[in-house]
Amino acid sequence: TQEKGLLGSIALIGVICSSQLWGYLADRFGRKNI
């Protein structure tokens, strides 16, 4: 059950880990490129 819970939420953990990065990179290198 714990592994199912982790698998169900792991993509959202990836979102949380990268959200600040993509905003910065989009401003720096262009939205279309990102």
PDB file of all heavy atoms in Angstrom:
ATOM      1  N   THR A   1       0.826  -1.206   0.000  1.00  0.00           N
ATOM      2  CA  THR A   1       0.000   0.000   0.000  1.00  0.00           C
ATOM      3  C   THR A   1       0.862   1.258   0.000  1.00  0.00           C
ATOM      4  O   THR A   1       0.558   2.230  -0.693  1.00  0.00           O
ATOM      5  CB  THR A   1      -0.928  -0.005   1.235  1.00  0.00           C
ATOM      6  OG1 THR A   1      -1.696  -1.211   1.226  1.00  0.00           O
ATOM      7  CG2 THR A   1      -1.856   1.184   1.233  1.00  0.00           C
ATOM      8  N   GLN A   2       1.943   1.250   0.751  1.00  0.00           N
ATOM      9  CA  GLN A   2       2.842   2.400   0.799  1.00  0.00           C
ATOM     10  C   GLN A   2       3.509   2.629  -0.560  1.00  0.00           C
ATOM     11  O   GLN A   2       3.665   3.769  -0.999  1.00  0.00           O
ATOM     12  CB  GLN A   2       3.916   2.222   1.878  1.00  0.00           C
ATOM     13  CG  GLN A   2       3.400   2.311   3.293  1.00  0.00           C
ATOM     14  CD  GLN A   2       2.759   1.015   3.765  1.00  0.00           C
ATOM     15  OE1 GLN A   2       2.860  -0.038   3.139  1.00  0.00           O
ATOM     16  NE2 GLN A   2       2.058   1.086   4.879  1.00  0.00           N
ATOM     17  N   GLU A   3       3.887   1.565  -1.224  1.00  0.00           N
ATOM     18  CA  GLU A   3       4.510   1.700  -2.541  1.00  0.00           C
ATOM     19  C   GLU A   3       3.508   2.225  -3.568  1.00  0.00           C
ATOM     20  O   GLU A   3       3.865   3.040  -4.421  1.00  0.00           O
ATOM     21  CB  GLU A   3       5.075   0.354  -3.001  1.00  0.00           C
ATOM     22  CG  GLU A   3       6.298  -0.067  -2.217  1.00  0.00           C
ATOM     23  CD  GLU A   3       6.748  -1.480  -2.541  1.00  0.00           C
ATOM     24  OE1 GLU A   3       5.912  -2.316  -2.965  1.00  0.00           O
ATOM     25  OE2 GLU A   3       7.954  -1.763  -2.350  1.00  0.00           O
ATOM     26  N   LYS A   4       2.269   1.802  -3.458  1.00  0.00           N
ATOM     27  CA  LYS A   4       1.237   2.339  -4.348  1.00  0.00           C
ATOM     28  C   LYS A   4       1.024   3.827  -4.096  1.00  0.00           C
ATOM     29  O   LYS A   4       0.875   4.612  -5.039  1.00  0.00           O
ATOM     30  CB  LYS A   4      -0.087   1.590  -4.154  1.00  0.00           C
ATOM     31  CG  LYS A   4      -0.101   0.241  -4.790  1.00  0.00           C
ATOM     32  CD  LYS A   4      -1.390  -0.533  -4.683  1.00  0.00           C
ATOM     33  CE  LYS A   4      -2.571   0.109  -4.071  1.00  0.00           C
ATOM     34  NZ  LYS A   4      -3.728  -0.776  -3.928  1.00  0.00           N
ATOM     35  N   GLY A   5       1.019   4.224  -2.854  1.00  0.00           N
ATOM     36  CA  GLY A   5       0.867   5.643  -2.519  1.00  0.00           C
ATOM     37  C   GLY A   5       2.014   6.476  -3.049  1.00  0.00           C
ATOM     38  O   GLY A   5       1.810   7.572  -3.583  1.00  0.00           O
ATOM     39  N   LEU A   6       3.226   5.972  -2.907  1.00  0.00           N
ATOM     40  CA  LEU A   6       4.393   6.684  -3.412  1.00  0.00           C
ATOM     41  C   LEU A   6       4.357   6.780  -4.930  1.00  0.00           C
ATOM     42  O   LEU A   6       4.630   7.833  -5.503  1.00  0.00           O
ATOM     43  CB  LEU A   6       5.677   6.007  -2.950  1.00  0.00           C
ATOM     44  CG  LEU A   6       6.984   6.686  -3.366  1.00  0.00           C
ATOM     45  CD1 LEU A   6       7.047   8.116  -2.844  1.00  0.00           C
ATOM     46  CD2 LEU A   6       8.169   5.871  -2.868  1.00  0.00           C
ATOM     47  N   LEU A   7       3.986   5.701  -5.587  1.00  0.00           N
ATOM     48  CA  LEU A   7       3.901   5.710  -7.040  1.00  0.00           C
ATOM     49  C   LEU A   7       2.832   6.678  -7.532  1.00  0.00           C
ATOM     50  O   LEU A   7       3.028   7.377  -8.523  1.00  0.00           O
ATOM     51  CB  LEU A   7       3.633   4.302  -7.567  1.00  0.00           C
ATOM     52  CG  LEU A   7       3.604   4.144  -9.086  1.00  0.00           C
ATOM     53  CD1 LEU A   7       4.924   4.596  -9.694  1.00  0.00           C
ATOM     54  CD2 LEU A   7       3.313   2.704  -9.455  1.00  0.00           C
ATOM     55  N   GLY A   8       1.729   6.761  -6.818  1.00  0.00           N
ATOM     56  CA  GLY A   8       0.664   7.684  -7.196  1.00  0.00           C
ATOM     57  C   GLY A   8       1.043   9.138  -7.036  1.00  0.00           C
ATOM     58  O   GLY A   8       0.508  10.009  -7.723  1.00  0.00           O
ATOM     59  N   SER A   9       1.965   9.426  -6.154  1.00  0.00           N
ATOM     60  CA  SER A   9       2.329  10.819  -5.890  1.00  0.00           C
ATOM     61  C   SER A   9       3.709  11.218  -6.391  1.00  0.00           C
ATOM     62  O   SER A   9       4.077  12.389  -6.301  1.00  0.00           O
ATOM     63  CB  SER A   9       2.252  11.086  -4.390  1.00  0.00           C
ATOM     64  OG  SER A   9       3.172  10.264  -3.695  1.00  0.00           O
ATOM     65  N   ILE A  10       4.467  10.294  -6.951  1.00  0.00           N
ATOM     66  CA  ILE A  10       5.852  10.600  -7.314  1.00  0.00           C
ATOM     67  C   ILE A  10       5.951  11.658  -8.404  1.00  0.00           C
ATOM     68  O   ILE A  10       6.868  12.484  -8.392  1.00  0.00           O
ATOM     69  CB  ILE A  10       6.634   9.321  -7.694  1.00  0.00           C
ATOM     70  CG1 ILE A  10       8.140   9.586  -7.703  1.00  0.00           C
ATOM     71  CG2 ILE A  10       6.188   8.772  -9.033  1.00  0.00           C
ATOM     72  CD1 ILE A  10       8.730   9.814  -6.354  1.00  0.00           C
ATOM     73  N   ALA A  11       5.004  11.691  -9.336  1.00  0.00           N
ATOM     74  CA  ALA A  11       5.038  12.719 -10.382  1.00  0.00           C
ATOM     75  C   ALA A  11       4.828  14.099  -9.770  1.00  0.00           C
ATOM     76  O   ALA A  11       5.468  15.076 -10.179  1.00  0.00           O
ATOM     77  CB  ALA A  11       3.993  12.437 -11.448  1.00  0.00           C
ATOM     78  N   LEU A  12       3.958  14.181  -8.773  1.00  0.00           N
ATOM     79  CA  LEU A  12       3.742  15.467  -8.116  1.00  0.00           C
ATOM     80  C   LEU A  12       4.962  15.896  -7.306  1.00  0.00           C
ATOM     81  O   LEU A  12       5.236  17.094  -7.185  1.00  0.00           O
ATOM     82  CB  LEU A  12       2.499  15.397  -7.230  1.00  0.00           C
ATOM     83  CG  LEU A  12       1.193  15.159  -7.999  1.00  0.00           C
ATOM     84  CD1 LEU A  12       0.047  14.927  -7.042  1.00  0.00           C
ATOM     85  CD2 LEU A  12       0.905  16.315  -8.920  1.00  0.00           C
ATOM     86  N   ILE A  13       5.685  14.949  -6.782  1.00  0.00           N
ATOM     87  CA  ILE A  13       6.939  15.273  -6.096  1.00  0.00           C
ATOM     88  C   ILE A  13       7.927  15.844  -7.101  1.00  0.00           C
ATOM     89  O   ILE A  13       8.641  16.805  -6.813  1.00  0.00           O
ATOM     90  CB  ILE A  13       7.498  14.028  -5.372  1.00  0.00           C
ATOM     91  CG1 ILE A  13       6.562  13.617  -4.245  1.00  0.00           C
ATOM     92  CG2 ILE A  13       8.904  14.283  -4.845  1.00  0.00           C
ATOM     93  CD1 ILE A  13       6.865  12.270  -3.616  1.00  0.00           C
ATOM     94  N   GLY A  14       7.963  15.290  -8.313  1.00  0.00           N
ATOM     95  CA  GLY A  14       8.798  15.842  -9.380  1.00  0.00           C
ATOM     96  C   GLY A  14       8.401  17.257  -9.736  1.00  0.00           C
ATOM     97  O   GLY A  14       9.257  18.117  -9.985  1.00  0.00           O
ATOM     98  N   VAL A  15       7.105  17.532  -9.753  1.00  0.00           N
ATOM     99  CA  VAL A  15       6.614  18.891 -10.022  1.00  0.00           C
ATOM    100  C   VAL A  15       7.094  19.848  -8.945  1.00  0.00           C
ATOM    101  O   VAL A  15       7.596  20.945  -9.240  1.00  0.00           O
ATOM    102  CB  VAL A  15       5.072  18.898 -10.112  1.00  0.00           C
ATOM    103  CG1 VAL A  15       4.520  20.306 -10.087  1.00  0.00           C
ATOM    104  CG2 VAL A  15       4.601  18.175 -11.358  1.00  0.00           C
ATOM    105  N   ILE A  16       6.965  19.443  -7.696  1.00  0.00           N
ATOM    106  CA  ILE A  16       7.388  20.300  -6.587  1.00  0.00           C
ATOM    107  C   ILE A  16       8.886  20.580  -6.657  1.00  0.00           C
ATOM    108  O   ILE A  16       9.332  21.706  -6.419  1.00  0.00           O
ATOM    109  CB  ILE A  16       7.014  19.652  -5.237  1.00  0.00           C
ATOM    110  CG1 ILE A  16       5.501  19.660  -5.077  1.00  0.00           C
ATOM    111  CG2 ILE A  16       7.682  20.366  -4.078  1.00  0.00           C
ATOM    112  CD1 ILE A  16       4.997  18.812  -3.936  1.00  0.00           C
ATOM    113  N   CYS A  17       9.662  19.579  -7.011  1.00  0.00           N
ATOM    114  CA  CYS A  17      11.120  19.739  -7.052  1.00  0.00           C
ATOM    115  C   CYS A  17      11.584  20.641  -8.196  1.00  0.00           C
ATOM    116  O   CYS A  17      12.672  21.201  -8.126  1.00  0.00           O
ATOM    117  CB  CYS A  17      11.796  18.375  -7.172  1.00  0.00           C
ATOM    118  SG  CYS A  17      11.645  17.372  -5.695  1.00  0.00           S
ATOM    119  N   SER A  18      10.781  20.778  -9.246  1.00  0.00           N
ATOM    120  CA  SER A  18      11.261  21.515 -10.419  1.00  0.00           C
ATOM    121  C   SER A  18      10.527  22.802 -10.715  1.00  0.00           C
ATOM    122  O   SER A  18      10.906  23.517 -11.639  1.00  0.00           O
ATOM    123  CB  SER A  18      11.184  20.611 -11.646  1.00  0.00           C
ATOM    124  OG  SER A  18       9.839  20.330 -11.968  1.00  0.00           O
ATOM    125  N   SER A  19       9.512  23.138  -9.967  1.00  0.00           N
ATOM    126  CA  SER A  19       8.678  24.279 -10.344  1.00  0.00           C
ATOM    127  C   SER A  19       9.441  25.601 -10.385  1.00  0.00           C
ATOM    128  O   SER A  19       9.242  26.400 -11.305  1.00  0.00           O
ATOM    129  CB  SER A  19       7.471  24.382  -9.419  1.00  0.00           C
ATOM    130  OG  SER A  19       7.882  24.535  -8.093  1.00  0.00           O
ATOM    131  N   GLN A  20      10.293  25.839  -9.459  1.00  0.00           N
ATOM    132  CA  GLN A  20      11.061  27.086  -9.476  1.00  0.00           C
ATOM    133  C   GLN A  20      12.078  27.113 -10.616  1.00  0.00           C
ATOM    134  O   GLN A  20      12.313  28.144 -11.236  1.00  0.00           O
ATOM    135  CB  GLN A  20      11.787  27.283  -8.136  1.00  0.00           C
ATOM    136  CG  GLN A  20      10.860  27.466  -6.966  1.00  0.00           C
ATOM    137  CD  GLN A  20      10.058  28.741  -7.058  1.00  0.00           C
ATOM    138  OE1 GLN A  20      10.535  29.757  -7.505  1.00  0.00           O
ATOM    139  NE2 GLN A  20       8.811  28.670  -6.637  1.00  0.00           N
ATOM    140  N   LEU A  21      12.645  25.980 -10.904  1.00  0.00           N
ATOM    141  CA  LEU A  21      13.652  25.876 -11.955  1.00  0.00           C
ATOM    142  C   LEU A  21      13.100  26.261 -13.320  1.00  0.00           C
ATOM    143  O   LEU A  21      13.701  27.032 -14.054  1.00  0.00           O
ATOM    144  CB  LEU A  21      14.202  24.442 -12.000  1.00  0.00           C
ATOM    145  CG  LEU A  21      15.135  24.120 -13.163  1.00  0.00           C
ATOM    146  CD1 LEU A  21      16.457  24.842 -12.991  1.00  0.00           C
ATOM    147  CD2 LEU A  21      15.322  22.628 -13.283  1.00  0.00           C
ATOM    148  N   TRP A  22      11.927  25.733 -13.685  1.00  0.00           N
ATOM    149  CA  TRP A  22      11.402  25.966 -15.030  1.00  0.00           C
ATOM    150  C   TRP A  22      10.987  27.408 -15.245  1.00  0.00           C
ATOM    151  O   TRP A  22      11.136  27.937 -16.345  1.00  0.00           O
ATOM    152  CB  TRP A  22      10.248  25.009 -15.324  1.00  0.00           C
ATOM    153  CG  TRP A  22      10.700  23.596 -15.355  1.00  0.00           C
ATOM    154  CD1 TRP A  22      10.227  22.582 -14.600  1.00  0.00           C
ATOM    155  CD2 TRP A  22      11.726  23.035 -16.180  1.00  0.00           C
ATOM    156  NE1 TRP A  22      10.900  21.417 -14.891  1.00  0.00           N
ATOM    157  CE2 TRP A  22      11.830  21.669 -15.869  1.00  0.00           C
ATOM    158  CE3 TRP A  22      12.589  23.550 -17.143  1.00  0.00           C
ATOM    159  CZ2 TRP A  22      12.734  20.818 -16.481  1.00  0.00           C
ATOM    160  CZ3 TRP A  22      13.493  22.694 -17.756  1.00  0.00           C
ATOM    161  CH2 TRP A  22      13.553  21.356 -17.426  1.00  0.00           C
ATOM    162  N   GLY A  23      10.467  28.058 -14.229  1.00  0.00           N
ATOM    163  CA  GLY A  23      10.138  29.478 -14.371  1.00  0.00           C
ATOM    164  C   GLY A  23      11.377  30.307 -14.658  1.00  0.00           C
ATOM    165  O   GLY A  23      11.383  31.168 -15.542  1.00  0.00           O
ATOM    166  N   TYR A  24      12.432  30.031 -13.920  1.00  0.00           N
ATOM    167  CA  TYR A  24      13.692  30.755 -14.136  1.00  0.00           C
ATOM    168  C   TYR A  24      14.258  30.468 -15.524  1.00  0.00           C
ATOM    169  O   TYR A  24      14.659  31.381 -16.245  1.00  0.00           O
ATOM    170  CB  TYR A  24      14.711  30.366 -13.058  1.00  0.00           C
ATOM    171  CG  TYR A  24      16.094  30.859 -13.369  1.00  0.00           C
ATOM    172  CD1 TYR A  24      16.424  32.198 -13.207  1.00  0.00           C
ATOM    173  CD2 TYR A  24      17.080  29.994 -13.848  1.00  0.00           C
ATOM    174  CE1 TYR A  24      17.699  32.662 -13.512  1.00  0.00           C
ATOM    175  CE2 TYR A  24      18.347  30.443 -14.155  1.00  0.00           C
ATOM    176  CZ  TYR A  24      18.644  31.778 -13.983  1.00  0.00           C
ATOM    177  OH  TYR A  24      19.890  32.239 -14.296  1.00  0.00           O
ATOM    178  N   LEU A  25      14.310  29.192 -15.902  1.00  0.00           N
ATOM    179  CA  LEU A  25      14.882  28.837 -17.203  1.00  0.00           C
ATOM    180  C   LEU A  25      14.049  29.382 -18.361  1.00  0.00           C
ATOM    181  O   LEU A  25      14.603  29.770 -19.396  1.00  0.00           O
ATOM    182  CB  LEU A  25      15.026  27.319 -17.328  1.00  0.00           C
ATOM    183  CG  LEU A  25      16.082  26.683 -16.427  1.00  0.00           C
ATOM    184  CD1 LEU A  25      16.072  25.169 -16.596  1.00  0.00           C
ATOM    185  CD2 LEU A  25      17.458  27.247 -16.698  1.00  0.00           C
ATOM    186  N   ALA A  26      12.737  29.442 -18.200  1.00  0.00           N
ATOM    187  CA  ALA A  26      11.880  30.005 -19.246  1.00  0.00           C
ATOM    188  C   ALA A  26      12.149  31.492 -19.428  1.00  0.00           C
ATOM    189  O   ALA A  26      12.178  31.994 -20.556  1.00  0.00           O
ATOM    190  CB  ALA A  26      10.413  29.766 -18.913  1.00  0.00           C
ATOM    191  N   ASP A  27      12.356  32.194 -18.337  1.00  0.00           N
ATOM    192  CA  ASP A  27      12.688  33.616 -18.439  1.00  0.00           C
ATOM    193  C   ASP A  27      14.075  33.821 -19.032  1.00  0.00           C
ATOM    194  O   ASP A  27      14.317  34.775 -19.756  1.00  0.00           O
ATOM    195  CB  ASP A  27      12.619  34.280 -17.061  1.00  0.00           C
ATOM    196  CG  ASP A  27      11.197  34.428 -16.567  1.00  0.00           C
ATOM    197  OD1 ASP A  27      10.268  34.352 -17.399  1.00  0.00           O
ATOM    198  OD2 ASP A  27      11.018  34.622 -15.347  1.00  0.00           O
ATOM    199  N   ARG A  28      14.966  32.926 -18.742  1.00  0.00           N
ATOM    200  CA  ARG A  28      16.361  33.061 -19.192  1.00  0.00           C
ATOM    201  C   ARG A  28      16.561  32.627 -20.646  1.00  0.00           C
ATOM    202  O   ARG A  28      17.255  33.293 -21.396  1.00  0.00           O
ATOM    203  CB  ARG A  28      17.245  32.209 -18.271  1.00  0.00           C
ATOM    204  CG  ARG A  28      18.698  32.206 -18.598  1.00  0.00           C
ATOM    205  CD  ARG A  28      19.450  33.157 -17.715  1.00  0.00           C
ATOM    206  NE  ARG A  28      20.865  32.897 -17.812  1.00  0.00           N
ATOM    207  CZ  ARG A  28      21.664  33.619 -18.582  1.00  0.00           C
ATOM    208  NH1 ARG A  28      21.203  34.601 -19.291  1.00  0.00           N
ATOM    209  NH2 ARG A  28      22.953  33.345 -18.626  1.00  0.00           N
ATOM    210  N   PHE A  29      15.948  31.502 -21.052  1.00  0.00           N
ATOM    211  CA  PHE A  29      16.210  30.929 -22.373  1.00  0.00           C
ATOM    212  C   PHE A  29      15.020  30.980 -23.330  1.00  0.00           C
ATOM    213  O   PHE A  29      15.132  30.518 -24.463  1.00  0.00           O
ATOM    214  CB  PHE A  29      16.680  29.475 -22.234  1.00  0.00           C
ATOM    215  CG  PHE A  29      17.963  29.350 -21.477  1.00  0.00           C
ATOM    216  CD1 PHE A  29      17.974  28.835 -20.197  1.00  0.00           C
ATOM    217  CD2 PHE A  29      19.158  29.775 -22.036  1.00  0.00           C
ATOM    218  CE1 PHE A  29      19.167  28.729 -19.491  1.00  0.00           C
ATOM    219  CE2 PHE A  29      20.348  29.667 -21.334  1.00  0.00           C
ATOM    220  CZ  PHE A  29      20.349  29.155 -20.057  1.00  0.00           C
ATOM    221  N   GLY A  30      13.904  31.481 -22.875  1.00  0.00           N
ATOM    222  CA  GLY A  30      12.733  31.589 -23.735  1.00  0.00           C
ATOM    223  C   GLY A  30      11.692  30.538 -23.438  1.00  0.00           C
ATOM    224  O   GLY A  30      12.016  29.373 -23.211  1.00  0.00           O
ATOM    225  N   ARG A  31      10.441  30.965 -23.447  1.00  0.00           N
ATOM    226  CA  ARG A  31       9.349  30.063 -23.105  1.00  0.00           C
ATOM    227  C   ARG A  31       9.178  28.951 -24.129  1.00  0.00           C
ATOM    228  O   ARG A  31       8.946  27.804 -23.781  1.00  0.00           O
ATOM    229  CB  ARG A  31       8.064  30.862 -22.940  1.00  0.00           C
ATOM    230  CG  ARG A  31       8.078  31.682 -21.675  1.00  0.00           C
ATOM    231  CD  ARG A  31       6.891  32.632 -21.598  1.00  0.00           C
ATOM    232  NE  ARG A  31       6.967  33.440 -20.395  1.00  0.00           N
ATOM    233  CZ  ARG A  31       7.759  34.488 -20.234  1.00  0.00           C
ATOM    234  NH1 ARG A  31       8.559  34.852 -21.206  1.00  0.00           N
ATOM    235  NH2 ARG A  31       7.763  35.165 -19.108  1.00  0.00           N
ATOM    236  N   LYS A  32       9.275  29.294 -25.408  1.00  0.00           N
ATOM    237  CA  LYS A  32       9.096  28.283 -26.449  1.00  0.00           C
ATOM    238  C   LYS A  32      10.162  27.191 -26.342  1.00  0.00           C
ATOM    239  O   LYS A  32       9.859  26.008 -26.448  1.00  0.00           O
ATOM    240  CB  LYS A  32       9.140  28.914 -27.830  1.00  0.00           C
ATOM    241  CG  LYS A  32       8.949  27.902 -28.934  1.00  0.00           C
ATOM    242  CD  LYS A  32       9.027  28.553 -30.296  1.00  0.00           C
ATOM    243  CE  LYS A  32       8.920  27.498 -31.381  1.00  0.00           C
ATOM    244  NZ  LYS A  32       9.119  28.050 -32.706  1.00  0.00           N
ATOM    245  N   ASN A  33      11.401  27.594 -26.114  1.00  0.00           N
ATOM    246  CA  ASN A  33      12.489  26.615 -25.994  1.00  0.00           C
ATOM    247  C   ASN A  33      12.254  25.663 -24.830  1.00  0.00           C
ATOM    248  O   ASN A  33      12.439  24.444 -24.963  1.00  0.00           O
ATOM    249  CB  ASN A  33      13.830  27.325 -25.827  1.00  0.00           C
ATOM    250  CG  ASN A  33      14.225  28.104 -27.049  1.00  0.00           C
ATOM    251  OD1 ASN A  33      13.818  27.784 -28.160  1.00  0.00           O
ATOM    252  ND2 ASN A  33      15.002  29.141 -26.853  1.00  0.00           N
ATOM    253  N   ILE A  34      11.841  26.203 -23.706  1.00  0.00           N
ATOM    254  CA  ILE A  34      11.592  25.368 -22.526  1.00  0.00           C
ATOM    255  C   ILE A  34      10.362  24.492 -22.749  1.00  0.00           C
ATOM    256  O   ILE A  34      10.349  23.315 -22.380  1.00  0.00           O
ATOM    257  CB  ILE A  34      11.441  26.242 -21.261  1.00  0.00           C
ATOM    258  CG1 ILE A  34      12.765  26.960 -20.972  1.00  0.00           C
ATOM    259  CG2 ILE A  34      10.991  25.414 -20.069  1.00  0.00           C
ATOM    260  CD1 ILE A  34      13.953  26.046 -20.757  1.00  0.00           C
TER     261      ILE A  34
END
